[in-house]
Amino acid sequence: MISKDMFIAEIVRRYPETLAVFEKYKLDCFECQIAEYEALEHGADVHHVNVDQLLDELNQAINKSG
């Protein structure tokens, strides 16, 4: 399960199926060096994305993949 305090790079490494969700929200921060140290909540805030909605969709993506 993904949480708000997880680092973006960690999420993408563990759950590559979440890339489509990040791209949907135009969050390409997983390609940037800061992703190693940036928590999901902070990244969403910086890009003006509702973190709860993002978190819900990310978790749906990993649940669909099994």
PDB file of N, CA and C in Angstrom:
ATOM      1  N   MET A   1       0.840  -1.178   0.000  1.00  0.00           N
ATOM      2  CA  MET A   1       0.000   0.000   0.000  1.00  0.00           C
ATOM      3  C   MET A   1       0.888   1.245   0.000  1.00  0.00           C
ATOM      4  N   ILE A   2       0.532   2.194  -0.818  1.00  0.00           N
ATOM      5  CA  ILE A   2       1.279   3.442  -0.941  1.00  0.00           C
ATOM      6  C   ILE A   2       0.740   4.441   0.077  1.00  0.00           C
ATOM      7  N   SER A   3       1.653   5.196   0.684  1.00  0.00           N
ATOM      8  CA  SER A   3       1.254   6.225   1.649  1.00  0.00           C
ATOM      9  C   SER A   3       1.839   7.577   1.243  1.00  0.00           C
ATOM     10  N   LYS A   4       1.307   8.637   1.817  1.00  0.00           N
ATOM     11  CA  LYS A   4       1.710  10.006   1.487  1.00  0.00           C
ATOM     12  C   LYS A   4       3.171  10.282   1.787  1.00  0.00           C
ATOM     13  N   ASP A   5       3.721   9.582   2.750  1.00  0.00           N
ATOM     14  CA  ASP A   5       5.094   9.872   3.158  1.00  0.00           C
ATOM     15  C   ASP A   5       6.142   9.056   2.406  1.00  0.00           C
ATOM     16  N   MET A   6       5.701   8.205   1.478  1.00  0.00           N
ATOM     17  CA  MET A   6       6.657   7.429   0.680  1.00  0.00           C
ATOM     18  C   MET A   6       7.319   8.338  -0.348  1.00  0.00           C
ATOM     19  N   PHE A   7       8.594   8.057  -0.633  1.00  0.00           N
ATOM     20  CA  PHE A   7       9.306   8.825  -1.651  1.00  0.00           C
ATOM     21  C   PHE A   7       8.830   8.399  -3.036  1.00  0.00           C
ATOM     22  N   ILE A   8       8.742   9.362  -3.939  1.00  0.00           N
ATOM     23  CA  ILE A   8       8.230   9.112  -5.280  1.00  0.00           C
ATOM     24  C   ILE A   8       9.051   8.042  -5.997  1.00  0.00           C
ATOM     25  N   ALA A   9      10.366   8.128  -5.928  1.00  0.00           N
ATOM     26  CA  ALA A   9      11.217   7.145  -6.598  1.00  0.00           C
ATOM     27  C   ALA A   9      10.978   5.739  -6.052  1.00  0.00           C
ATOM     28  N   GLU A  10      10.759   5.645  -4.757  1.00  0.00           N
ATOM     29  CA  GLU A  10      10.483   4.345  -4.133  1.00  0.00           C
ATOM     30  C   GLU A  10       9.182   3.758  -4.676  1.00  0.00           C
ATOM     31  N   ILE A  11       8.169   4.600  -4.821  1.00  0.00           N
ATOM     32  CA  ILE A  11       6.871   4.147  -5.338  1.00  0.00           C
ATOM     33  C   ILE A  11       7.041   3.587  -6.749  1.00  0.00           C
ATOM     34  N   VAL A  12       7.722   4.329  -7.595  1.00  0.00           N
ATOM     35  CA  VAL A  12       7.889   3.917  -8.985  1.00  0.00           C
ATOM     36  C   VAL A  12       8.720   2.638  -9.092  1.00  0.00           C
ATOM     37  N   ARG A  13       9.750   2.522  -8.258  1.00  0.00           N
ATOM     38  CA  ARG A  13      10.576   1.304  -8.275  1.00  0.00           C
ATOM     39  C   ARG A  13       9.780   0.079  -7.848  1.00  0.00           C
ATOM     40  N   ARG A  14       9.032   0.231  -6.761  1.00  0.00           N
ATOM     41  CA  ARG A  14       8.281  -0.909  -6.224  1.00  0.00           C
ATOM     42  C   ARG A  14       7.044  -1.232  -7.050  1.00  0.00           C
ATOM     43  N   TYR A  15       6.442  -0.192  -7.611  1.00  0.00           N
ATOM     44  CA  TYR A  15       5.171  -0.345  -8.321  1.00  0.00           C
ATOM     45  C   TYR A  15       5.225   0.371  -9.674  1.00  0.00           C
ATOM     46  N   PRO A  16       5.912  -0.177 -10.647  1.00  0.00           N
ATOM     47  CA  PRO A  16       6.028   0.497 -11.948  1.00  0.00           C
ATOM     48  C   PRO A  16       4.683   0.740 -12.633  1.00  0.00           C
ATOM     49  N   GLU A  17       3.686  -0.012 -12.230  1.00  0.00           N
ATOM     50  CA  GLU A  17       2.357   0.186 -12.820  1.00  0.00           C
ATOM     51  C   GLU A  17       1.751   1.544 -12.438  1.00  0.00           C
ATOM     52  N   THR A  18       2.360   2.256 -11.504  1.00  0.00           N
ATOM     53  CA  THR A  18       1.861   3.571 -11.103  1.00  0.00           C
ATOM     54  C   THR A  18       2.302   4.679 -12.056  1.00  0.00           C
ATOM     55  N   LEU A  19       3.217   4.380 -12.964  1.00  0.00           N
ATOM     56  CA  LEU A  19       3.706   5.411 -13.888  1.00  0.00           C
ATOM     57  C   LEU A  19       2.571   6.081 -14.655  1.00  0.00           C
ATOM     58  N   ALA A  20       1.592   5.302 -15.083  1.00  0.00           N
ATOM     59  CA  ALA A  20       0.469   5.866 -15.836  1.00  0.00           C
ATOM     60  C   ALA A  20      -0.298   6.884 -15.012  1.00  0.00           C
ATOM     61  N   VAL A  21      -0.420   6.646 -13.723  1.00  0.00           N
ATOM     62  CA  VAL A  21      -1.125   7.590 -12.844  1.00  0.00           C
ATOM     63  C   VAL A  21      -0.308   8.874 -12.700  1.00  0.00           C
ATOM     64  N   PHE A  22       0.984   8.742 -12.477  1.00  0.00           N
ATOM     65  CA  PHE A  22       1.833   9.936 -12.388  1.00  0.00           C
ATOM     66  C   PHE A  22       1.743  10.747 -13.678  1.00  0.00           C
ATOM     67  N   GLU A  23       1.777  10.072 -14.814  1.00  0.00           N
ATOM     68  CA  GLU A  23       1.697  10.760 -16.101  1.00  0.00           C
ATOM     69  C   GLU A  23       0.341  11.427 -16.297  1.00  0.00           C
ATOM     70  N   LYS A  24      -0.718  10.789 -15.844  1.00  0.00           N
ATOM     71  CA  LYS A  24      -2.061  11.365 -15.956  1.00  0.00           C
ATOM     72  C   LYS A  24      -2.132  12.721 -15.271  1.00  0.00           C
ATOM     73  N   TYR A  25      -1.445  12.846 -14.140  1.00  0.00           N
ATOM     74  CA  TYR A  25      -1.443  14.098 -13.381  1.00  0.00           C
ATOM     75  C   TYR A  25      -0.285  15.010 -13.769  1.00  0.00           C
ATOM     76  N   LYS A  26       0.393  14.649 -14.857  1.00  0.00           N
ATOM     77  CA  LYS A  26       1.525  15.431 -15.358  1.00  0.00           C
ATOM     78  C   LYS A  26       2.624  15.580 -14.314  1.00  0.00           C
ATOM     79  N   LEU A  27       2.790  14.521 -13.534  1.00  0.00           N
ATOM     80  CA  LEU A  27       3.842  14.482 -12.517  1.00  0.00           C
ATOM     81  C   LEU A  27       5.003  13.653 -13.063  1.00  0.00           C
ATOM     82  N   ASP A  28       5.910  14.331 -13.725  1.00  0.00           N
ATOM     83  CA  ASP A  28       7.059  13.631 -14.267  1.00  0.00           C
ATOM     84  C   ASP A  28       8.241  13.715 -13.306  1.00  0.00           C
ATOM     85  N   CYS A  29       7.946  14.019 -12.050  1.00  0.00           N
ATOM     86  CA  CYS A  29       9.004  14.172 -11.056  1.00  0.00           C
ATOM     87  C   CYS A  29       9.737  12.864 -10.792  1.00  0.00           C
ATOM     88  N   PHE A  30       9.179  11.742 -11.217  1.00  0.00           N
ATOM     89  CA  PHE A  30       9.875  10.471 -11.035  1.00  0.00           C
ATOM     90  C   PHE A  30      11.133  10.424 -11.897  1.00  0.00           C
ATOM     91  N   GLU A  31      11.231  11.299 -12.896  1.00  0.00           N
ATOM     92  CA  GLU A  31      12.417  11.358 -13.744  1.00  0.00           C
ATOM     93  C   GLU A  31      13.490  12.281 -13.171  1.00  0.00           C
ATOM     94  N   CYS A  32      13.155  13.022 -12.158  1.00  0.00           N
ATOM     95  CA  CYS A  32      14.076  14.016 -11.616  1.00  0.00           C
ATOM     96  C   CYS A  32      14.816  13.458 -10.406  1.00  0.00           C
ATOM     97  N   GLN A  33      15.982  13.995 -10.140  1.00  0.00           N
ATOM     98  CA  GLN A  33      16.827  13.507  -9.049  1.00  0.00           C
ATOM     99  C   GLN A  33      16.171  13.696  -7.685  1.00  0.00           C
ATOM    100  N   ILE A  34      15.316  14.669  -7.559  1.00  0.00           N
ATOM    101  CA  ILE A  34      14.675  14.947  -6.278  1.00  0.00           C
ATOM    102  C   ILE A  34      13.696  13.850  -5.881  1.00  0.00           C
ATOM    103  N   ALA A  35      13.244  13.060  -6.839  1.00  0.00           N
ATOM    104  CA  ALA A  35      12.286  11.989  -6.552  1.00  0.00           C
ATOM    105  C   ALA A  35      12.810  11.018  -5.500  1.00  0.00           C
ATOM    106  N   GLU A  36      14.126  10.894  -5.389  1.00  0.00           N
ATOM    107  CA  GLU A  36      14.720  10.011  -4.381  1.00  0.00           C
ATOM    108  C   GLU A  36      14.445  10.506  -2.962  1.00  0.00           C
ATOM    109  N   TYR A  37      14.225  11.819  -2.824  1.00  0.00           N
ATOM    110  CA  TYR A  37      14.092  12.432  -1.505  1.00  0.00           C
ATOM    111  C   TYR A  37      12.766  13.165  -1.305  1.00  0.00           C
ATOM    112  N   GLU A  38      11.902  13.122  -2.305  1.00  0.00           N
ATOM    113  CA  GLU A  38      10.651  13.867  -2.227  1.00  0.00           C
ATOM    114  C   GLU A  38       9.486  12.933  -1.912  1.00  0.00           C
ATOM    115  N   ALA A  39       8.806  13.237  -0.836  1.00  0.00           N
ATOM    116  CA  ALA A  39       7.629  12.466  -0.458  1.00  0.00           C
ATOM    117  C   ALA A  39       6.476  12.774  -1.413  1.00  0.00           C
ATOM    118  N   LEU A  40       5.626  11.804  -1.592  1.00  0.00           N
ATOM    119  CA  LEU A  40       4.471  11.949  -2.481  1.00  0.00           C
ATOM    120  C   LEU A  40       3.649  13.184  -2.131  1.00  0.00           C
ATOM    121  N   GLU A  41       3.392  13.374  -0.852  1.00  0.00           N
ATOM    122  CA  GLU A  41       2.568  14.510  -0.426  1.00  0.00           C
ATOM    123  C   GLU A  41       3.195  15.834  -0.845  1.00  0.00           C
ATOM    124  N   HIS A  42       4.490  15.968  -0.676  1.00  0.00           N
ATOM    125  CA  HIS A  42       5.168  17.208  -1.049  1.00  0.00           C
ATOM    126  C   HIS A  42       5.132  17.415  -2.561  1.00  0.00           C
ATOM    127  N   GLY A  43       5.420  16.373  -3.322  1.00  0.00           N
ATOM    128  CA  GLY A  43       5.392  16.478  -4.781  1.00  0.00           C
ATOM    129  C   GLY A  43       4.019  16.869  -5.296  1.00  0.00           C
ATOM    130  N   ALA A  44       2.987  16.278  -4.729  1.00  0.00           N
ATOM    131  CA  ALA A  44       1.623  16.616  -5.133  1.00  0.00           C
ATOM    132  C   ALA A  44       1.319  18.076  -4.809  1.00  0.00           C
ATOM    133  N   ASP A  45       1.732  18.519  -3.633  1.00  0.00           N
ATOM    134  CA  ASP A  45       1.488  19.896  -3.215  1.00  0.00           C
ATOM    135  C   ASP A  45       2.186  20.886  -4.144  1.00  0.00           C
ATOM    136  N   VAL A  46       3.424  20.623  -4.469  1.00  0.00           N
ATOM    137  CA  VAL A  46       4.196  21.510  -5.341  1.00  0.00           C
ATOM    138  C   VAL A  46       3.532  21.647  -6.711  1.00  0.00           C
ATOM    139  N   HIS A  47       2.926  20.565  -7.186  1.00  0.00           N
ATOM    140  CA  HIS A  47       2.303  20.568  -8.513  1.00  0.00           C
ATOM    141  C   HIS A  47       0.793  20.814  -8.453  1.00  0.00           C
ATOM    142  N   HIS A  48       0.297  21.199  -7.275  1.00  0.00           N
ATOM    143  CA  HIS A  48      -1.122  21.541  -7.087  1.00  0.00           C
ATOM    144  C   HIS A  48      -2.054  20.393  -7.461  1.00  0.00           C
ATOM    145  N   VAL A  49      -1.688  19.202  -7.000  1.00  0.00           N
ATOM    146  CA  VAL A  49      -2.493  18.002  -7.223  1.00  0.00           C
ATOM    147  C   VAL A  49      -3.079  17.572  -5.888  1.00  0.00           C
ATOM    148  N   ASN A  50      -4.341  17.185  -5.893  1.00  0.00           N
ATOM    149  CA  ASN A  50      -4.990  16.709  -4.682  1.00  0.00           C
ATOM    150  C   ASN A  50      -4.341  15.386  -4.277  1.00  0.00           C
ATOM    151  N   VAL A  51      -3.622  15.400  -3.170  1.00  0.00           N
ATOM    152  CA  VAL A  51      -2.841  14.225  -2.769  1.00  0.00           C
ATOM    153  C   VAL A  51      -3.733  13.032  -2.426  1.00  0.00           C
ATOM    154  N   ASP A  52      -4.893  13.270  -1.856  1.00  0.00           N
ATOM    155  CA  ASP A  52      -5.779  12.156  -1.506  1.00  0.00           C
ATOM    156  C   ASP A  52      -6.306  11.455  -2.756  1.00  0.00           C
ATOM    157  N   GLN A  53      -6.659  12.229  -3.757  1.00  0.00           N
ATOM    158  CA  GLN A  53      -7.129  11.652  -5.021  1.00  0.00           C
ATOM    159  C   GLN A  53      -5.992  10.901  -5.708  1.00  0.00           C
ATOM    160  N   LEU A  54      -4.806  11.501  -5.730  1.00  0.00           N
ATOM    161  CA  LEU A  54      -3.645  10.853  -6.328  1.00  0.00           C
ATOM    162  C   LEU A  54      -3.333   9.543  -5.614  1.00  0.00           C
ATOM    163  N   LEU A  55      -3.315   9.588  -4.311  1.00  0.00           N
ATOM    164  CA  LEU A  55      -3.021   8.405  -3.507  1.00  0.00           C
ATOM    165  C   LEU A  55      -4.039   7.292  -3.779  1.00  0.00           C
ATOM    166  N   ASP A  56      -5.300   7.662  -3.871  1.00  0.00           N
ATOM    167  CA  ASP A  56      -6.346   6.682  -4.155  1.00  0.00           C
ATOM    168  C   ASP A  56      -6.106   6.014  -5.512  1.00  0.00           C
ATOM    169  N   GLU A  57      -5.790   6.801  -6.526  1.00  0.00           N
ATOM    170  CA  GLU A  57      -5.569   6.232  -7.858  1.00  0.00           C
ATOM    171  C   GLU A  57      -4.301   5.391  -7.919  1.00  0.00           C
ATOM    172  N   LEU A  58      -3.258   5.808  -7.207  1.00  0.00           N
ATOM    173  CA  LEU A  58      -2.031   5.015  -7.173  1.00  0.00           C
ATOM    174  C   LEU A  58      -2.301   3.652  -6.535  1.00  0.00           C
ATOM    175  N   ASN A  59      -3.030   3.655  -5.434  1.00  0.00           N
ATOM    176  CA  ASN A  59      -3.337   2.387  -4.764  1.00  0.00           C
ATOM    177  C   ASN A  59      -4.278   1.524  -5.595  1.00  0.00           C
ATOM    178  N   GLN A  60      -5.188   2.140  -6.328  1.00  0.00           N
ATOM    179  CA  GLN A  60      -6.039   1.370  -7.235  1.00  0.00           C
ATOM    180  C   GLN A  60      -5.206   0.691  -8.314  1.00  0.00           C
ATOM    181  N   ALA A  61      -4.192   1.409  -8.813  1.00  0.00           N
ATOM    182  CA  ALA A  61      -3.327   0.856  -9.860  1.00  0.00           C
ATOM    183  C   ALA A  61      -2.578  -0.371  -9.369  1.00  0.00           C
ATOM    184  N   ILE A  62      -2.095  -0.334  -8.140  1.00  0.00           N
ATOM    185  CA  ILE A  62      -1.342  -1.506  -7.653  1.00  0.00           C
ATOM    186  C   ILE A  62      -2.287  -2.646  -7.289  1.00  0.00           C
ATOM    187  N   ASN A  63      -3.502  -2.314  -6.877  1.00  0.00           N
ATOM    188  CA  ASN A  63      -4.463  -3.369  -6.554  1.00  0.00           C
ATOM    189  C   ASN A  63      -4.946  -4.093  -7.806  1.00  0.00           C
ATOM    190  N   LYS A  64      -5.066  -3.362  -8.924  1.00  0.00           N
ATOM    191  CA  LYS A  64      -5.497  -3.973 -10.186  1.00  0.00           C
ATOM    192  C   LYS A  64      -4.460  -4.935 -10.720  1.00  0.00           C
ATOM    193  N   SER A  65      -3.190  -4.621 -10.459  1.00  0.00           N
ATOM    194  CA  SER A  65      -2.129  -5.449 -11.022  1.00  0.00           C
ATOM    195  C   SER A  65      -1.898  -6.724 -10.224  1.00  0.00           C
ATOM    196  N   GLY A  66      -2.537  -6.788  -9.082  1.00  0.00           N
ATOM    197  CA  GLY A  66      -2.471  -8.052  -8.347  1.00  0.00           C
ATOM    198  C   GLY A  66      -1.581  -8.017  -7.176  1.00  0.00           C
TER     199      GLY A  66
END
